[in-house]
C-alpha atoms as a PDB file:
ATOM      1  CA  MET A   1       6.395  -6.943  21.887  1.00  0.00           C
ATOM      2  CA  ASP A   2       4.787  -4.868  19.122  1.00  0.00           C
ATOM      3  CA  VAL A   3       1.010  -4.616  19.692  1.00  0.00           C
ATOM      4  CA  TYR A   4       0.280  -5.698  16.106  1.00  0.00           C
ATOM      5  CA  LYS A   5       2.409  -8.831  16.463  1.00  0.00           C
ATOM      6  CA  LEU A   6       0.659  -9.596  19.738  1.00  0.00           C
ATOM      7  CA  PHE A   7      -2.686  -8.949  18.046  1.00  0.00           C
ATOM      8  CA  GLU A   8      -1.945 -11.775  15.600  1.00  0.00           C
ATOM      9  CA  ARG A   9      -2.152 -14.160  18.542  1.00  0.00           C
ATOM     10  CA  TYR A  10      -5.619 -12.961  19.523  1.00  0.00           C
ATOM     11  CA  ALA A  11      -7.158 -11.834  16.213  1.00  0.00           C
ATOM     12  CA  ASP A  12      -9.430 -14.864  16.084  1.00  0.00           C
ATOM     13  CA  THR A  13     -11.153 -13.646  19.262  1.00  0.00           C
ATOM     14  CA  VAL A  14     -12.439 -10.427  17.663  1.00  0.00           C
ATOM     15  CA  PRO A  15     -16.247 -10.766  17.691  1.00  0.00           C
ATOM     16  CA  THR A  16     -18.460 -10.065  14.696  1.00  0.00           C
ATOM     17  CA  GLY A  17     -20.164  -6.692  14.953  1.00  0.00           C
ATOM     18  CA  THR A  18     -23.334  -5.343  13.370  1.00  0.00           C
ATOM     19  CA  VAL A  19     -24.177  -2.283  11.262  1.00  0.00           C
ATOM     20  CA  GLU A  20     -26.708  -0.185  13.222  1.00  0.00           C
ATOM     21  CA  TRP A  21     -26.956   3.001  11.180  1.00  0.00           C
ATOM     22  CA  ILE A  22     -25.912   4.314   7.758  1.00  0.00           C
ATOM     23  CA  GLY A  23     -25.780   7.923   6.596  1.00  0.00           C
ATOM     24  CA  VAL A  24     -24.556   9.823   3.540  1.00  0.00           C
ATOM     25  CA  ARG A  25     -24.107  13.517   2.780  1.00  0.00           C
ATOM     26  CA  PRO A  26     -25.101  14.659  -0.713  1.00  0.00           C
ATOM     27  CA  ALA A  27     -22.929  17.797  -0.330  1.00  0.00           C
ATOM     28  CA  ARG A  28     -20.038  18.851   1.912  1.00  0.00           C
ATOM     29  CA  PHE A  29     -21.968  20.742   4.584  1.00  0.00           C
ATOM     30  CA  ALA A  30     -25.303  19.006   4.043  1.00  0.00           C
ATOM     31  CA  ALA A  31     -27.054  17.090   6.805  1.00  0.00           C
ATOM     32  CA  LEU A  32     -26.588  13.345   6.761  1.00  0.00           C
ATOM     33  CA  GLN A  33     -29.416  11.344   5.250  1.00  0.00           C
ATOM     34  CA  ALA A  34     -30.090   8.078   7.085  1.00  0.00           C
ATOM     35  CA  LEU A  35     -30.411   5.037   4.815  1.00  0.00           C
ATOM     36  CA  GLU A  36     -31.425   1.400   5.206  1.00  0.00           C
ATOM     37  CA  HIS A  37     -28.728   0.311   2.740  1.00  0.00           C
ATOM     38  CA  VAL A  38     -25.995   1.751   0.544  1.00  0.00           C
ATOM     39  CA  GLU A  39     -23.718   0.596  -2.257  1.00  0.00           C
ATOM     40  CA  ALA A  40     -20.002   0.912  -1.528  1.00  0.00           C
ATOM     41  CA  GLU A  41     -17.809   1.311  -4.613  1.00  0.00           C
ATOM     42  CA  ALA A  42     -14.175   0.214  -4.453  1.00  0.00           C
ATOM     43  CA  GLY A  43     -11.720   3.093  -4.655  1.00  0.00           C
ATOM     44  CA  ARG A  44     -14.503   5.690  -4.691  1.00  0.00           C
ATOM     45  CA  GLY A  45     -16.879   5.709  -1.713  1.00  0.00           C
ATOM     46  CA  LEU A  46     -20.535   5.334  -0.861  1.00  0.00           C
ATOM     47  CA  HIS A  47     -23.140   6.038  -3.523  1.00  0.00           C
ATOM     48  CA  ARG A  48     -24.988   9.316  -2.902  1.00  0.00           C
ATOM     49  CA  ASP A  49     -22.200  10.574  -0.569  1.00  0.00           C
ATOM     50  CA  HIS A  50     -20.319  13.720  -1.581  1.00  0.00           C
ATOM     51  CA  ARG A  51     -16.920  12.132  -0.842  1.00  0.00           C
ATOM     52  CA  MET A  52     -17.407   9.792  -3.801  1.00  0.00           C
ATOM     53  CA  ALA A  53     -16.629  12.721  -6.125  1.00  0.00           C
ATOM     54  CA  LYS A  54     -13.397  13.517  -4.294  1.00  0.00           C
ATOM     55  CA  THR A  55      -9.953  12.091  -5.028  1.00  0.00           C
ATOM     56  CA  PRO A  56     -10.243   8.440  -6.089  1.00  0.00           C
ATOM     57  CA  GLY A  57      -8.185   6.156  -3.866  1.00  0.00           C
ATOM     58  CA  SER A  58      -8.567   8.371  -0.799  1.00  0.00           C
ATOM     59  CA  GLY A  59      -8.231   6.735   2.612  1.00  0.00           C
ATOM     60  CA  ARG A  60     -11.417   8.515   3.714  1.00  0.00           C
ATOM     61  CA  GLN A  61     -14.033   6.983   1.424  1.00  0.00           C
ATOM     62  CA  VAL A  62     -16.200   5.895   4.349  1.00  0.00           C
ATOM     63  CA  THR A  63     -16.104   6.676   8.061  1.00  0.00           C
ATOM     64  CA  LEU A  64     -16.961   4.261  10.867  1.00  0.00           C
ATOM     65  CA  ILE A  65     -17.852   4.896  14.479  1.00  0.00           C
ATOM     66  CA  SER A  66     -19.099   2.446  17.070  1.00  0.00           C
ATOM     67  CA  ARG A  67     -22.206   2.615  19.232  1.00  0.00           C
ATOM     68  CA  GLU A  68     -19.824   2.115  22.170  1.00  0.00           C
ATOM     69  CA  PHE A  69     -17.812   5.217  21.183  1.00  0.00           C
ATOM     70  CA  ILE A  70     -21.045   7.196  20.860  1.00  0.00           C
ATOM     71  CA  GLN A  71     -22.081   6.095  24.364  1.00  0.00           C
ATOM     72  CA  GLN A  72     -18.750   7.379  25.693  1.00  0.00           C
ATOM     73  CA  ILE A  73     -19.277  10.725  23.963  1.00  0.00           C
ATOM     74  CA  GLU A  74     -22.860  10.894  25.311  1.00  0.00           C
ATOM     75  CA  ALA A  75     -21.593  10.306  28.859  1.00  0.00           C
ATOM     76  CA  SER A  76     -19.099  13.111  28.417  1.00  0.00           C
ATOM     77  CA  VAL A  77     -21.524  15.700  26.989  1.00  0.00           C
ATOM     78  CA  GLY A  78     -24.433  14.608  29.179  1.00  0.00           C
ATOM     79  CA  ARG A  79     -27.029  14.012  26.492  1.00  0.00           C
ATOM     80  CA  THR A  80     -28.240  11.564  23.863  1.00  0.00           C
ATOM     81  CA  ILE A  81     -26.650  11.972  20.440  1.00  0.00           C
ATOM     82  CA  ASP A  82     -28.219  11.175  17.086  1.00  0.00           C
ATOM     83  CA  PRO A  83     -25.596   9.457  14.879  1.00  0.00           C
ATOM     84  CA  SER A  84     -26.104  12.061  12.144  1.00  0.00           C
ATOM     85  CA  GLU A  85     -24.720  14.751  14.466  1.00  0.00           C
ATOM     86  CA  LEU A  86     -21.289  13.097  14.433  1.00  0.00           C
ATOM     87  CA  ARG A  87     -21.052  13.146  10.615  1.00  0.00           C
ATOM     88  CA  ARG A  88     -19.818   9.559  10.295  1.00  0.00           C
ATOM     89  CA  ASN A  89     -21.194   7.217   7.622  1.00  0.00           C
ATOM     90  CA  ILE A  90     -21.645   3.948   9.477  1.00  0.00           C
ATOM     91  CA  VAL A  91     -22.354   3.116  13.111  1.00  0.00           C
ATOM     92  CA  VAL A  92     -21.393  -0.402  14.190  1.00  0.00           C
ATOM     93  CA  SER A  93     -21.832  -2.221  17.476  1.00  0.00           C
ATOM     94  CA  GLY A  94     -20.573  -5.330  19.227  1.00  0.00           C
ATOM     95  CA  VAL A  95     -16.936  -5.072  18.155  1.00  0.00           C
ATOM     96  CA  ASN A  96     -14.022  -3.082  19.585  1.00  0.00           C
ATOM     97  CA  LEU A  97     -13.442  -0.676  16.722  1.00  0.00           C
ATOM     98  CA  ASN A  98      -9.893  -0.025  17.953  1.00  0.00           C
ATOM     99  CA  ALA A  99      -9.039  -3.678  17.266  1.00  0.00           C
ATOM    100  CA  LEU A 100      -9.940  -3.158  13.609  1.00  0.00           C
ATOM    101  CA  ARG A 101      -7.451  -0.339  12.948  1.00  0.00           C
ATOM    102  CA  TYR A 102      -5.033  -1.189  10.132  1.00  0.00           C
ATOM    103  CA  GLN A 103      -7.065  -4.297   9.346  1.00  0.00           C
ATOM    104  CA  ARG A 104      -9.127  -5.504   6.422  1.00  0.00           C
ATOM    105  CA  VAL A 105     -12.776  -5.763   7.425  1.00  0.00           C
ATOM    106  CA  GLN A 106     -15.874  -7.048   5.675  1.00  0.00           C
ATOM    107  CA  ILE A 107     -18.989  -4.930   6.169  1.00  0.00           C
ATOM    108  CA  GLY A 108     -21.934  -6.603   4.502  1.00  0.00           C
ATOM    109  CA  GLU A 109     -20.728  -7.413   0.979  1.00  0.00           C
ATOM    110  CA  ALA A 110     -18.069  -4.671   0.940  1.00  0.00           C
ATOM    111  CA  ILE A 111     -14.494  -4.943   2.152  1.00  0.00           C
ATOM    112  CA  VAL A 112     -12.620  -1.969   3.606  1.00  0.00           C
ATOM    113  CA  ASP A 113      -9.160  -1.204   4.922  1.00  0.00           C
ATOM    114  CA  VAL A 114      -9.570   0.548   8.271  1.00  0.00           C
ATOM    115  CA  GLY A 115      -6.996   3.304   8.599  1.00  0.00           C
ATOM    116  CA  ALA A 116      -6.565   6.666  10.243  1.00  0.00           C
ATOM    117  CA  LEU A 117      -8.436   8.003  13.216  1.00  0.00           C
ATOM    118  CA  CYS A 118     -11.350  10.204  12.198  1.00  0.00           C
ATOM    119  CA  ASP A 119     -10.542  13.144  14.422  1.00  0.00           C
ATOM    120  CA  PRO A 120     -13.300  15.575  15.395  1.00  0.00           C
ATOM    121  CA  CYS A 121     -13.570  18.952  13.759  1.00  0.00           C
ATOM    122  CA  GLU A 122     -14.368  22.249  15.434  1.00  0.00           C
ATOM    123  CA  ARG A 123     -18.025  21.922  14.367  1.00  0.00           C
ATOM    124  CA  MET A 124     -18.439  19.309  17.122  1.00  0.00           C
ATOM    125  CA  GLU A 125     -18.106  22.038  19.749  1.00  0.00           C
ATOM    126  CA  LYS A 126     -21.137  23.806  18.292  1.00  0.00           C
ATOM    127  CA  THR A 127     -23.090  20.625  17.479  1.00  0.00           C
ATOM    128  CA  LEU A 128     -22.549  18.829  20.792  1.00  0.00           C
ATOM    129  CA  GLY A 129     -22.130  21.882  23.006  1.00  0.00           C
ATOM    130  CA  PRO A 130     -19.207  22.985  25.169  1.00  0.00           C
ATOM    131  CA  GLY A 131     -16.730  20.137  25.509  1.00  0.00           C
ATOM    132  CA  GLY A 132     -18.026  18.357  22.408  1.00  0.00           C
ATOM    133  CA  PHE A 133     -14.713  18.514  20.575  1.00  0.00           C
ATOM    134  CA  VAL A 134     -12.745  17.162  23.530  1.00  0.00           C
ATOM    135  CA  SER A 135     -15.349  14.461  24.235  1.00  0.00           C
ATOM    136  CA  MET A 136     -14.751  13.025  20.750  1.00  0.00           C
ATOM    137  CA  MET A 137     -10.962  12.877  20.974  1.00  0.00           C
ATOM    138  CA  GLY A 138     -10.051   9.208  20.641  1.00  0.00           C
ATOM    139  CA  TYR A 139     -13.709   8.304  20.049  1.00  0.00           C
ATOM    140  CA  GLY A 140     -14.281   9.820  16.602  1.00  0.00           C
ATOM    141  CA  GLY A 141     -14.024   6.512  14.777  1.00  0.00           C
ATOM    142  CA  TYR A 142     -11.945   5.622  11.734  1.00  0.00           C
ATOM    143  CA  CYS A 143     -11.510   6.509   8.083  1.00  0.00           C
ATOM    144  CA  CYS A 144     -11.618   3.609   5.631  1.00  0.00           C
ATOM    145  CA  LYS A 145     -10.782   2.849   2.036  1.00  0.00           C
ATOM    146  CA  ILE A 146     -13.163   0.583   0.123  1.00  0.00           C
ATOM    147  CA  VAL A 147     -11.224  -2.249  -1.539  1.00  0.00           C
ATOM    148  CA  GLN A 148     -14.176  -4.391  -2.672  1.00  0.00           C
ATOM    149  CA  SER A 149     -17.527  -3.036  -3.802  1.00  0.00           C
ATOM    150  CA  GLY A 150     -20.747  -4.321  -2.288  1.00  0.00           C
ATOM    151  CA  ARG A 151     -24.003  -3.604  -0.536  1.00  0.00           C
ATOM    152  CA  ILE A 152     -24.041  -2.564   3.121  1.00  0.00           C
ATOM    153  CA  GLN A 153     -27.330  -2.554   5.008  1.00  0.00           C
ATOM    154  CA  ILE A 154     -28.639  -2.180   8.530  1.00  0.00           C
ATOM    155  CA  GLY A 155     -27.967  -5.482  10.279  1.00  0.00           C
ATOM    156  CA  SER A 156     -24.992  -6.399   8.061  1.00  0.00           C
ATOM    157  CA  ALA A 157     -22.156  -8.254   9.767  1.00  0.00           C
ATOM    158  CA  VAL A 158     -18.888  -6.437  10.493  1.00  0.00           C
ATOM    159  CA  GLN A 159     -16.050  -8.915  10.686  1.00  0.00           C
ATOM    160  CA  LEU A 160     -12.305  -8.931  10.707  1.00  0.00           C
ATOM    161  CA  LEU A 161     -10.887 -10.825   7.765  1.00  0.00           C
ATOM    162  CA  ALA A 162      -7.620 -12.754   8.056  1.00  0.00           C
ATOM    163  CA  ARG A 163      -5.099 -10.749  10.066  1.00  0.00           C
ATOM    164  CA  GLN A 164      -3.421  -8.198   7.806  1.00  0.00           C
ATOM    165  CA  PRO A 165       0.023  -6.645   8.120  1.00  0.00           C
ATOM    166  CA  LYS A 166      -0.126  -2.978   9.009  1.00  0.00           C
ATOM    167  CA  LEU A 167      -1.898  -1.530   5.965  1.00  0.00           C
ATOM    168  CA  LEU A 168      -1.148   2.152   6.363  1.00  0.00           C
END
């Protein structure tokens, strides 16, 4: 049986997660700036993030990673990691991020379509040290498209909306 068809049977068991950390980059190679809250704009991105000026409608308007994925990466590289080092916009916890792939998810007031894996780049080898790139493979989080504007803040709920057909 197709995993997405099987998922339909169990989608109502996906727990609600929580936003733990938010960061934006004002320019492409700039350091992430941690925020308490951010406005997500449908079809564009996060206010004050450089990706907002990129191609409207992109599937990479916001990136998500889970605290649980970060813990896996930390175990692999042998040190504590600040979320800003991983260059993802939002850290969530309490929900299996893999279960949200190809789903519509509400994060605070915003709604996003969770899509492609957010694969690591070669900078992770320098940032995290030897093995950093490999440690992130499969744990880099996901790229999302914002489909409904709204405010996202630390402590916001992260919840699966009604089961969606494969979106991407």
